[in-house]
Amino acid sequence: MNRAAGNALFAVSLTLGVMLGLEGHIERGEAPAGQYASYLETSNALQQALAKTPVLRGQLHRAQALHDALLAGSRHASRGLADVEAELRRLDAEAGLTELSGPGVIIEINYDPALPVIHGLRYVDEATQLQMVVNYLLASGAKGIAIDGQRLVTTSAIRSVSGLEQLPGPFSGIVQVNDVPVSAPYSIAVIGDVEAISNMLDVEALPEQFRLLDQSFRLLARPGADGVRLPAYSGQLPGQYATEGGD
């Protein structure tokens, strides 16, 4: 076989090979068309998800920051609420609206028939006497006072409801404390510094003043942590029944 014939045979063989290869490729491509489309959709979805990842990360970061801020705010609000409640409890205690216990004294005032009678001084106004004692106790730093179980607050009133000459003896009659009737013997419970209270009463010579009126004035020290117990104020408060007016 000459050279020209060999070249022609090679060209024919190459052409046939290319044609067979193309035919096989076309046949293979037509069979898995559905799988190929599914692959494209999955690839596109993956690319879209990857493209959204920075956005999602940013949204997640902002959501976490908001959660942290809300949590910190709730903790701050909780602490603030606890502080407000503690302050309200303190104010209620100072105002006499809660029970109170602590060191203090008990003052007992009563008629003493053994004391000499001083004419002209037998009939006295106990309300005035009791208010005088209360003023001195407050001046000594008393934290709480109760007269015959009636807790004194800033709006408490001590007043006599009988005339000075209506009843025999050193007392004028009935006294009202917080609009509740009380009568001798009087017991005044006081919470405060025992020494300061005692010194104040001694300086003002209150025991001697009461003896001039045929009345005994005894001070009993109760220095223990629960030496004196005072009840809470149970009367009406100013504005308790007030209502907001309309336009």
C-alpha atoms as a PDB file:
ATOM      1  CA  MET A   1       0.000   0.000   0.000  1.00  0.00           C
ATOM      2  CA  ASN A   2       1.339   3.298  -1.039  1.00  0.00           C
ATOM      3  CA  ARG A   3       1.529   6.402   1.168  1.00  0.00           C
ATOM      4  CA  ALA A   4      -1.507   8.151  -0.370  1.00  0.00           C
ATOM      5  CA  ALA A   5      -3.759   5.154   0.221  1.00  0.00           C
ATOM      6  CA  GLY A   6      -2.677   4.973   3.915  1.00  0.00           C
ATOM      7  CA  ASN A   7      -3.474   8.613   4.521  1.00  0.00           C
ATOM      8  CA  ALA A   8      -6.943   8.199   3.026  1.00  0.00           C
ATOM      9  CA  LEU A   9      -7.705   5.174   5.222  1.00  0.00           C
ATOM     10  CA  PHE A  10      -6.621   7.086   8.394  1.00  0.00           C
ATOM     11  CA  ALA A  11      -8.873  10.015   7.535  1.00  0.00           C
ATOM     12  CA  VAL A  12     -11.898   7.763   7.027  1.00  0.00           C
ATOM     13  CA  SER A  13     -11.235   5.941  10.335  1.00  0.00           C
ATOM     14  CA  LEU A  14     -10.902   9.253  12.254  1.00  0.00           C
ATOM     15  CA  THR A  15     -14.144  10.558  10.807  1.00  0.00           C
ATOM     16  CA  LEU A  16     -16.024   7.408  11.784  1.00  0.00           C
ATOM     17  CA  GLY A  17     -14.616   7.544  15.314  1.00  0.00           C
ATOM     18  CA  VAL A  18     -15.683  11.117  15.826  1.00  0.00           C
ATOM     19  CA  MET A  19     -19.192  10.347  14.527  1.00  0.00           C
ATOM     20  CA  LEU A  20     -19.562   7.315  16.802  1.00  0.00           C
ATOM     21  CA  GLY A  21     -18.308   9.309  19.752  1.00  0.00           C
ATOM     22  CA  LEU A  22     -20.817  12.106  19.149  1.00  0.00           C
ATOM     23  CA  GLU A  23     -23.628   9.614  18.788  1.00  0.00           C
ATOM     24  CA  GLY A  24     -22.715   7.936  22.072  1.00  0.00           C
ATOM     25  CA  HIS A  25     -22.470  11.299  23.864  1.00  0.00           C
ATOM     26  CA  ILE A  26     -25.889  12.352  22.592  1.00  0.00           C
ATOM     27  CA  GLU A  27     -27.439   9.059  23.703  1.00  0.00           C
ATOM     28  CA  ARG A  28     -25.845   9.299  27.162  1.00  0.00           C
ATOM     29  CA  GLY A  29     -26.990  12.909  27.553  1.00  0.00           C
ATOM     30  CA  GLU A  30     -30.621  12.156  26.711  1.00  0.00           C
ATOM     31  CA  ALA A  31     -31.032   9.341  29.266  1.00  0.00           C
ATOM     32  CA  PRO A  32     -30.343  11.218  32.596  1.00  0.00           C
ATOM     33  CA  ALA A  33     -31.995  14.548  31.636  1.00  0.00           C
ATOM     34  CA  GLY A  34     -34.181  14.643  34.789  1.00  0.00           C
ATOM     35  CA  GLN A  35     -31.244  13.962  37.062  1.00  0.00           C
ATOM     36  CA  TYR A  36     -29.238  16.658  35.380  1.00  0.00           C
ATOM     37  CA  ALA A  37     -32.039  19.223  35.867  1.00  0.00           C
ATOM     38  CA  SER A  38     -32.341  18.222  39.547  1.00  0.00           C
ATOM     39  CA  TYR A  39     -28.616  18.709  39.941  1.00  0.00           C
ATOM     40  CA  LEU A  40     -28.855  22.187  38.460  1.00  0.00           C
ATOM     41  CA  GLU A  41     -31.720  23.134  40.787  1.00  0.00           C
ATOM     42  CA  THR A  42     -29.815  21.837  43.819  1.00  0.00           C
ATOM     43  CA  SER A  43     -26.708  23.695  42.758  1.00  0.00           C
ATOM     44  CA  ASN A  44     -28.649  26.885  42.264  1.00  0.00           C
ATOM     45  CA  ALA A  45     -30.348  26.502  45.664  1.00  0.00           C
ATOM     46  CA  LEU A  46     -26.980  25.917  47.282  1.00  0.00           C
ATOM     47  CA  GLN A  47     -25.528  29.000  45.646  1.00  0.00           C
ATOM     48  CA  GLN A  48     -28.503  31.067  46.760  1.00  0.00           C
ATOM     49  CA  ALA A  49     -28.194  29.775  50.324  1.00  0.00           C
ATOM     50  CA  LEU A  50     -24.499  30.572  50.344  1.00  0.00           C
ATOM     51  CA  ALA A  51     -25.286  34.027  49.050  1.00  0.00           C
ATOM     52  CA  LYS A  52     -27.828  34.542  51.874  1.00  0.00           C
ATOM     53  CA  THR A  53     -25.502  33.270  54.621  1.00  0.00           C
ATOM     54  CA  PRO A  54     -23.941  36.677  55.459  1.00  0.00           C
ATOM     55  CA  VAL A  55     -27.447  38.206  55.691  1.00  0.00           C
ATOM     56  CA  LEU A  56     -28.670  35.416  57.934  1.00  0.00           C
ATOM     57  CA  ARG A  57     -25.588  35.724  60.089  1.00  0.00           C
ATOM     58  CA  GLY A  58     -26.204  39.463  60.443  1.00  0.00           C
ATOM     59  CA  GLN A  59     -29.857  38.893  61.373  1.00  0.00           C
ATOM     60  CA  LEU A  60     -28.858  36.248  63.896  1.00  0.00           C
ATOM     61  CA  HIS A  61     -26.251  38.582  65.382  1.00  0.00           C
ATOM     62  CA  ARG A  62     -28.802  41.393  65.705  1.00  0.00           C
ATOM     63  CA  ALA A  63     -31.338  39.017  67.246  1.00  0.00           C
ATOM     64  CA  GLN A  64     -28.762  37.831  69.781  1.00  0.00           C
ATOM     65  CA  ALA A  65     -27.803  41.425  70.612  1.00  0.00           C
ATOM     66  CA  LEU A  66     -31.489  42.303  71.107  1.00  0.00           C
ATOM     67  CA  HIS A  67     -31.946  39.245  73.326  1.00  0.00           C
ATOM     68  CA  ASP A  68     -28.932  40.233  75.430  1.00  0.00           C
ATOM     69  CA  ALA A  69     -30.207  43.798  75.734  1.00  0.00           C
ATOM     70  CA  LEU A  70     -33.680  42.652  76.787  1.00  0.00           C
ATOM     71  CA  LEU A  71     -32.195  40.248  79.303  1.00  0.00           C
ATOM     72  CA  ALA A  72     -29.960  42.948  80.777  1.00  0.00           C
ATOM     73  CA  GLY A  73     -32.910  45.326  80.863  1.00  0.00           C
ATOM     74  CA  SER A  74     -35.079  42.788  82.653  1.00  0.00           C
ATOM     75  CA  ARG A  75     -32.361  42.213  85.243  1.00  0.00           C
ATOM     76  CA  HIS A  76     -31.994  45.960  85.722  1.00  0.00           C
ATOM     77  CA  ALA A  77     -35.766  46.328  86.021  1.00  0.00           C
ATOM     78  CA  SER A  78     -35.867  43.489  88.524  1.00  0.00           C
ATOM     79  CA  ARG A  79     -33.172  45.138  90.645  1.00  0.00           C
ATOM     80  CA  GLY A  80     -34.951  48.473  90.312  1.00  0.00           C
ATOM     81  CA  LEU A  81     -38.251  46.926  91.383  1.00  0.00           C
ATOM     82  CA  ALA A  82     -36.563  45.303  94.391  1.00  0.00           C
ATOM     83  CA  ASP A  83     -35.040  48.660  95.362  1.00  0.00           C
ATOM     84  CA  VAL A  84     -38.411  50.391  95.056  1.00  0.00           C
ATOM     85  CA  GLU A  85     -40.128  47.710  97.143  1.00  0.00           C
ATOM     86  CA  ALA A  86     -37.421  47.970  99.814  1.00  0.00           C
ATOM     87  CA  GLU A  87     -37.822  51.758  99.885  1.00  0.00           C
ATOM     88  CA  LEU A  88     -41.601  51.403 100.205  1.00  0.00           C
ATOM     89  CA  ARG A  89     -41.161  48.996 103.108  1.00  0.00           C
ATOM     90  CA  ARG A  90     -38.786  51.453 104.792  1.00  0.00           C
ATOM     91  CA  LEU A  91     -41.187  54.339 104.297  1.00  0.00           C
ATOM     92  CA  ASP A  92     -44.114  52.274 105.604  1.00  0.00           C
ATOM     93  CA  ALA A  93     -42.083  51.400 108.692  1.00  0.00           C
ATOM     94  CA  GLU A  94     -41.150  55.021 109.293  1.00  0.00           C
ATOM     95  CA  ALA A  95     -44.754  56.103 108.764  1.00  0.00           C
ATOM     96  CA  GLY A  96     -45.991  53.572 111.307  1.00  0.00           C
ATOM     97  CA  LEU A  97     -47.898  51.451 108.793  1.00  0.00           C
ATOM     98  CA  THR A  98     -46.088  48.230 109.704  1.00  0.00           C
ATOM     99  CA  GLU A  99     -45.311  46.455 112.949  1.00  0.00           C
ATOM    100  CA  LEU A 100     -42.051  47.487 114.549  1.00  0.00           C
ATOM    101  CA  SER A 101     -39.862  45.922 117.200  1.00  0.00           C
ATOM    102  CA  GLY A 102     -36.596  46.898 118.808  1.00  0.00           C
ATOM    103  CA  PRO A 103     -34.979  48.247 121.969  1.00  0.00           C
ATOM    104  CA  GLY A 104     -36.815  50.960 123.837  1.00  0.00           C
ATOM    105  CA  VAL A 105     -38.790  51.760 126.959  1.00  0.00           C
ATOM    106  CA  ILE A 106     -42.249  51.371 128.433  1.00  0.00           C
ATOM    107  CA  ILE A 107     -43.648  54.378 130.293  1.00  0.00           C
ATOM    108  CA  GLU A 108     -46.489  53.763 132.732  1.00  0.00           C
ATOM    109  CA  ILE A 109     -48.583  56.668 133.991  1.00  0.00           C
ATOM    110  CA  ASN A 110     -51.206  56.065 136.669  1.00  0.00           C
ATOM    111  CA  TYR A 111     -52.920  57.669 139.630  1.00  0.00           C
ATOM    112  CA  ASP A 112     -50.964  57.136 142.820  1.00  0.00           C
ATOM    113  CA  PRO A 113     -53.077  57.653 145.958  1.00  0.00           C
ATOM    114  CA  ALA A 114     -49.959  57.518 148.101  1.00  0.00           C
ATOM    115  CA  LEU A 115     -48.709  60.800 146.705  1.00  0.00           C
ATOM    116  CA  PRO A 116     -49.624  64.012 148.612  1.00  0.00           C
ATOM    117  CA  VAL A 117     -52.583  65.912 147.274  1.00  0.00           C
ATOM    118  CA  ILE A 118     -51.849  69.385 145.933  1.00  0.00           C
ATOM    119  CA  HIS A 119     -55.069  71.332 145.736  1.00  0.00           C
ATOM    120  CA  GLY A 120     -55.723  73.041 142.435  1.00  0.00           C
ATOM    121  CA  LEU A 121     -53.592  70.594 140.468  1.00  0.00           C
ATOM    122  CA  ARG A 122     -55.716  67.488 140.754  1.00  0.00           C
ATOM    123  CA  TYR A 123     -57.777  68.077 137.652  1.00  0.00           C
ATOM    124  CA  VAL A 124     -55.597  68.064 134.614  1.00  0.00           C
ATOM    125  CA  ASP A 125     -55.995  67.451 130.904  1.00  0.00           C
ATOM    126  CA  GLU A 126     -54.353  64.117 130.176  1.00  0.00           C
ATOM    127  CA  ALA A 127     -54.344  64.796 126.445  1.00  0.00           C
ATOM    128  CA  THR A 128     -52.074  67.767 127.038  1.00  0.00           C
ATOM    129  CA  GLN A 129     -49.869  65.690 129.339  1.00  0.00           C
ATOM    130  CA  LEU A 130     -49.601  62.803 126.900  1.00  0.00           C
ATOM    131  CA  GLN A 131     -48.840  65.107 123.999  1.00  0.00           C
ATOM    132  CA  MET A 132     -46.076  66.737 126.056  1.00  0.00           C
ATOM    133  CA  VAL A 133     -44.540  63.335 126.743  1.00  0.00           C
ATOM    134  CA  VAL A 134     -44.780  62.387 123.061  1.00  0.00           C
ATOM    135  CA  ASN A 135     -43.046  65.613 122.043  1.00  0.00           C
ATOM    136  CA  TYR A 136     -40.126  64.914 124.357  1.00  0.00           C
ATOM    137  CA  LEU A 137     -39.903  61.323 123.119  1.00  0.00           C
ATOM    138  CA  LEU A 138     -39.754  62.467 119.510  1.00  0.00           C
ATOM    139  CA  ALA A 139     -37.100  65.003 120.450  1.00  0.00           C
ATOM    140  CA  SER A 140     -35.024  62.176 121.934  1.00  0.00           C
ATOM    141  CA  GLY A 141     -35.057  60.335 118.586  1.00  0.00           C
ATOM    142  CA  ALA A 142     -37.845  57.824 119.172  1.00  0.00           C
ATOM    143  CA  LYS A 143     -38.476  55.675 116.100  1.00  0.00           C
ATOM    144  CA  GLY A 144     -41.965  54.593 117.070  1.00  0.00           C
ATOM    145  CA  ILE A 145     -44.548  55.311 119.786  1.00  0.00           C
ATOM    146  CA  ALA A 146     -47.823  53.697 120.785  1.00  0.00           C
ATOM    147  CA  ILE A 147     -50.230  54.760 123.560  1.00  0.00           C
ATOM    148  CA  ASP A 148     -52.346  51.929 124.959  1.00  0.00           C
ATOM    149  CA  GLY A 149     -51.791  49.984 121.749  1.00  0.00           C
ATOM    150  CA  GLN A 150     -52.566  52.891 119.412  1.00  0.00           C
ATOM    151  CA  ARG A 151     -49.659  53.525 117.059  1.00  0.00           C
ATOM    152  CA  LEU A 152     -48.881  57.182 116.543  1.00  0.00           C
ATOM    153  CA  VAL A 153     -48.348  58.527 113.035  1.00  0.00           C
ATOM    154  CA  THR A 154     -47.926  62.037 111.686  1.00  0.00           C
ATOM    155  CA  THR A 155     -51.705  62.509 111.485  1.00  0.00           C
ATOM    156  CA  SER A 156     -52.502  61.061 114.933  1.00  0.00           C
ATOM    157  CA  ALA A 157     -54.513  63.229 117.316  1.00  0.00           C
ATOM    158  CA  ILE A 158     -54.518  63.042 121.114  1.00  0.00           C
ATOM    159  CA  ARG A 159     -57.511  64.821 122.606  1.00  0.00           C
ATOM    160  CA  SER A 160     -59.744  64.786 125.662  1.00  0.00           C
ATOM    161  CA  VAL A 161     -63.438  64.096 125.183  1.00  0.00           C
ATOM    162  CA  SER A 162     -64.597  64.909 128.746  1.00  0.00           C
ATOM    163  CA  GLY A 163     -64.546  68.187 130.645  1.00  0.00           C
ATOM    164  CA  LEU A 164     -61.874  68.840 133.221  1.00  0.00           C
ATOM    165  CA  GLU A 165     -64.311  68.824 136.139  1.00  0.00           C
ATOM    166  CA  GLN A 166     -66.583  65.945 135.191  1.00  0.00           C
ATOM    167  CA  LEU A 167     -64.795  63.119 136.957  1.00  0.00           C
ATOM    168  CA  PRO A 168     -63.184  62.920 140.377  1.00  0.00           C
ATOM    169  CA  GLY A 169     -59.521  62.188 140.813  1.00  0.00           C
ATOM    170  CA  PRO A 170     -56.453  63.471 139.029  1.00  0.00           C
ATOM    171  CA  PHE A 171     -57.670  62.550 135.546  1.00  0.00           C
ATOM    172  CA  SER A 172     -60.140  64.505 133.466  1.00  0.00           C
ATOM    173  CA  GLY A 173     -61.823  61.523 131.879  1.00  0.00           C
ATOM    174  CA  ILE A 174     -61.547  59.832 128.515  1.00  0.00           C
ATOM    175  CA  VAL A 175     -58.829  60.500 125.966  1.00  0.00           C
ATOM    176  CA  GLN A 176     -58.987  59.636 122.293  1.00  0.00           C
ATOM    177  CA  VAL A 177     -55.911  58.526 120.397  1.00  0.00           C
ATOM    178  CA  ASN A 178     -56.520  58.032 116.689  1.00  0.00           C
ATOM    179  CA  ASP A 179     -60.232  58.495 117.496  1.00  0.00           C
ATOM    180  CA  VAL A 180     -60.072  55.418 119.758  1.00  0.00           C
ATOM    181  CA  PRO A 181     -60.978  55.953 123.455  1.00  0.00           C
ATOM    182  CA  VAL A 182     -58.205  55.183 125.958  1.00  0.00           C
ATOM    183  CA  SER A 183     -58.061  55.865 129.676  1.00  0.00           C
ATOM    184  CA  ALA A 184     -55.701  55.699 132.635  1.00  0.00           C
ATOM    185  CA  PRO A 185     -53.560  53.893 133.493  1.00  0.00           C
ATOM    186  CA  TYR A 186     -51.647  54.821 130.368  1.00  0.00           C
ATOM    187  CA  SER A 187     -48.926  52.690 128.866  1.00  0.00           C
ATOM    188  CA  ILE A 188     -46.631  54.352 126.353  1.00  0.00           C
ATOM    189  CA  ALA A 189     -44.448  51.968 124.345  1.00  0.00           C
ATOM    190  CA  VAL A 190     -41.419  53.571 122.713  1.00  0.00           C
ATOM    191  CA  ILE A 191     -38.751  52.205 120.374  1.00  0.00           C
ATOM    192  CA  GLY A 192     -35.502  54.133 120.373  1.00  0.00           C
ATOM    193  CA  ASP A 193     -32.208  54.638 122.156  1.00  0.00           C
ATOM    194  CA  VAL A 194     -32.879  53.781 125.805  1.00  0.00           C
ATOM    195  CA  GLU A 195     -30.191  56.072 127.193  1.00  0.00           C
ATOM    196  CA  ALA A 196     -31.219  59.036 125.030  1.00  0.00           C
ATOM    197  CA  ILE A 197     -34.866  58.664 126.049  1.00  0.00           C
ATOM    198  CA  SER A 198     -34.028  58.314 129.725  1.00  0.00           C
ATOM    199  CA  ASN A 199     -31.725  61.333 129.657  1.00  0.00           C
ATOM    200  CA  MET A 200     -34.338  63.481 127.908  1.00  0.00           C
ATOM    201  CA  LEU A 201     -37.044  62.625 130.451  1.00  0.00           C
ATOM    202  CA  ASP A 202     -34.682  63.236 133.363  1.00  0.00           C
ATOM    203  CA  VAL A 203     -33.525  66.599 132.004  1.00  0.00           C
ATOM    204  CA  GLU A 204     -37.135  67.718 131.619  1.00  0.00           C
ATOM    205  CA  ALA A 205     -37.954  66.321 135.087  1.00  0.00           C
ATOM    206  CA  LEU A 206     -41.102  64.620 133.810  1.00  0.00           C
ATOM    207  CA  PRO A 207     -41.347  62.146 136.710  1.00  0.00           C
ATOM    208  CA  GLU A 208     -41.357  65.049 139.186  1.00  0.00           C
ATOM    209  CA  GLN A 209     -43.962  66.948 137.155  1.00  0.00           C
ATOM    210  CA  PHE A 210     -46.342  63.999 137.199  1.00  0.00           C
ATOM    211  CA  ARG A 211     -45.834  63.397 140.902  1.00  0.00           C
ATOM    212  CA  LEU A 212     -47.074  66.940 141.539  1.00  0.00           C
ATOM    213  CA  LEU A 213     -50.311  65.798 139.897  1.00  0.00           C
ATOM    214  CA  ASP A 214     -50.628  62.701 142.104  1.00  0.00           C
ATOM    215  CA  GLN A 215     -49.536  60.527 139.210  1.00  0.00           C
ATOM    216  CA  SER A 216     -46.813  57.935 139.094  1.00  0.00           C
ATOM    217  CA  PHE A 217     -44.432  58.016 136.163  1.00  0.00           C
ATOM    218  CA  ARG A 218     -42.409  54.829 135.721  1.00  0.00           C
ATOM    219  CA  LEU A 219     -39.904  54.154 132.993  1.00  0.00           C
ATOM    220  CA  LEU A 220     -39.069  50.510 132.250  1.00  0.00           C
ATOM    221  CA  ALA A 221     -36.012  49.953 130.061  1.00  0.00           C
ATOM    222  CA  ARG A 222     -36.285  47.193 127.427  1.00  0.00           C
ATOM    223  CA  PRO A 223     -32.873  47.175 125.714  1.00  0.00           C
ATOM    224  CA  GLY A 224     -33.245  43.826 123.931  1.00  0.00           C
ATOM    225  CA  ALA A 225     -33.551  43.513 120.158  1.00  0.00           C
ATOM    226  CA  ASP A 226     -37.232  42.672 120.625  1.00  0.00           C
ATOM    227  CA  GLY A 227     -37.628  44.572 123.862  1.00  0.00           C
ATOM    228  CA  VAL A 228     -40.583  46.618 122.612  1.00  0.00           C
ATOM    229  CA  ARG A 229     -43.141  45.675 119.992  1.00  0.00           C
ATOM    230  CA  LEU A 230     -45.394  48.227 118.357  1.00  0.00           C
ATOM    231  CA  PRO A 231     -48.499  47.402 116.310  1.00  0.00           C
ATOM    232  CA  ALA A 232     -49.067  48.868 112.880  1.00  0.00           C
ATOM    233  CA  TYR A 233     -51.294  51.891 112.529  1.00  0.00           C
ATOM    234  CA  SER A 234     -54.799  50.694 111.690  1.00  0.00           C
ATOM    235  CA  GLY A 235     -56.734  53.935 111.365  1.00  0.00           C
ATOM    236  CA  GLN A 236     -57.784  55.887 108.305  1.00  0.00           C
ATOM    237  CA  LEU A 237     -55.190  57.705 106.272  1.00  0.00           C
ATOM    238  CA  PRO A 238     -55.674  61.132 104.668  1.00  0.00           C
ATOM    239  CA  GLY A 239     -57.137  60.793 101.212  1.00  0.00           C
ATOM    240  CA  GLN A 240     -58.127  57.160 101.758  1.00  0.00           C
ATOM    241  CA  TYR A 241     -61.587  57.750 100.334  1.00  0.00           C
ATOM    242  CA  ALA A 242     -60.660  60.514  97.925  1.00  0.00           C
ATOM    243  CA  THR A 243     -61.571  60.086  94.291  1.00  0.00           C
ATOM    244  CA  GLU A 244     -60.279  61.823  91.208  1.00  0.00           C
ATOM    245  CA  GLY A 245     -62.639  64.496  89.984  1.00  0.00           C
ATOM    246  CA  GLY A 246     -63.929  64.552  86.439  1.00  0.00           C
ATOM    247  CA  ASP A 247     -63.453  67.270  83.880  1.00  0.00           C
END
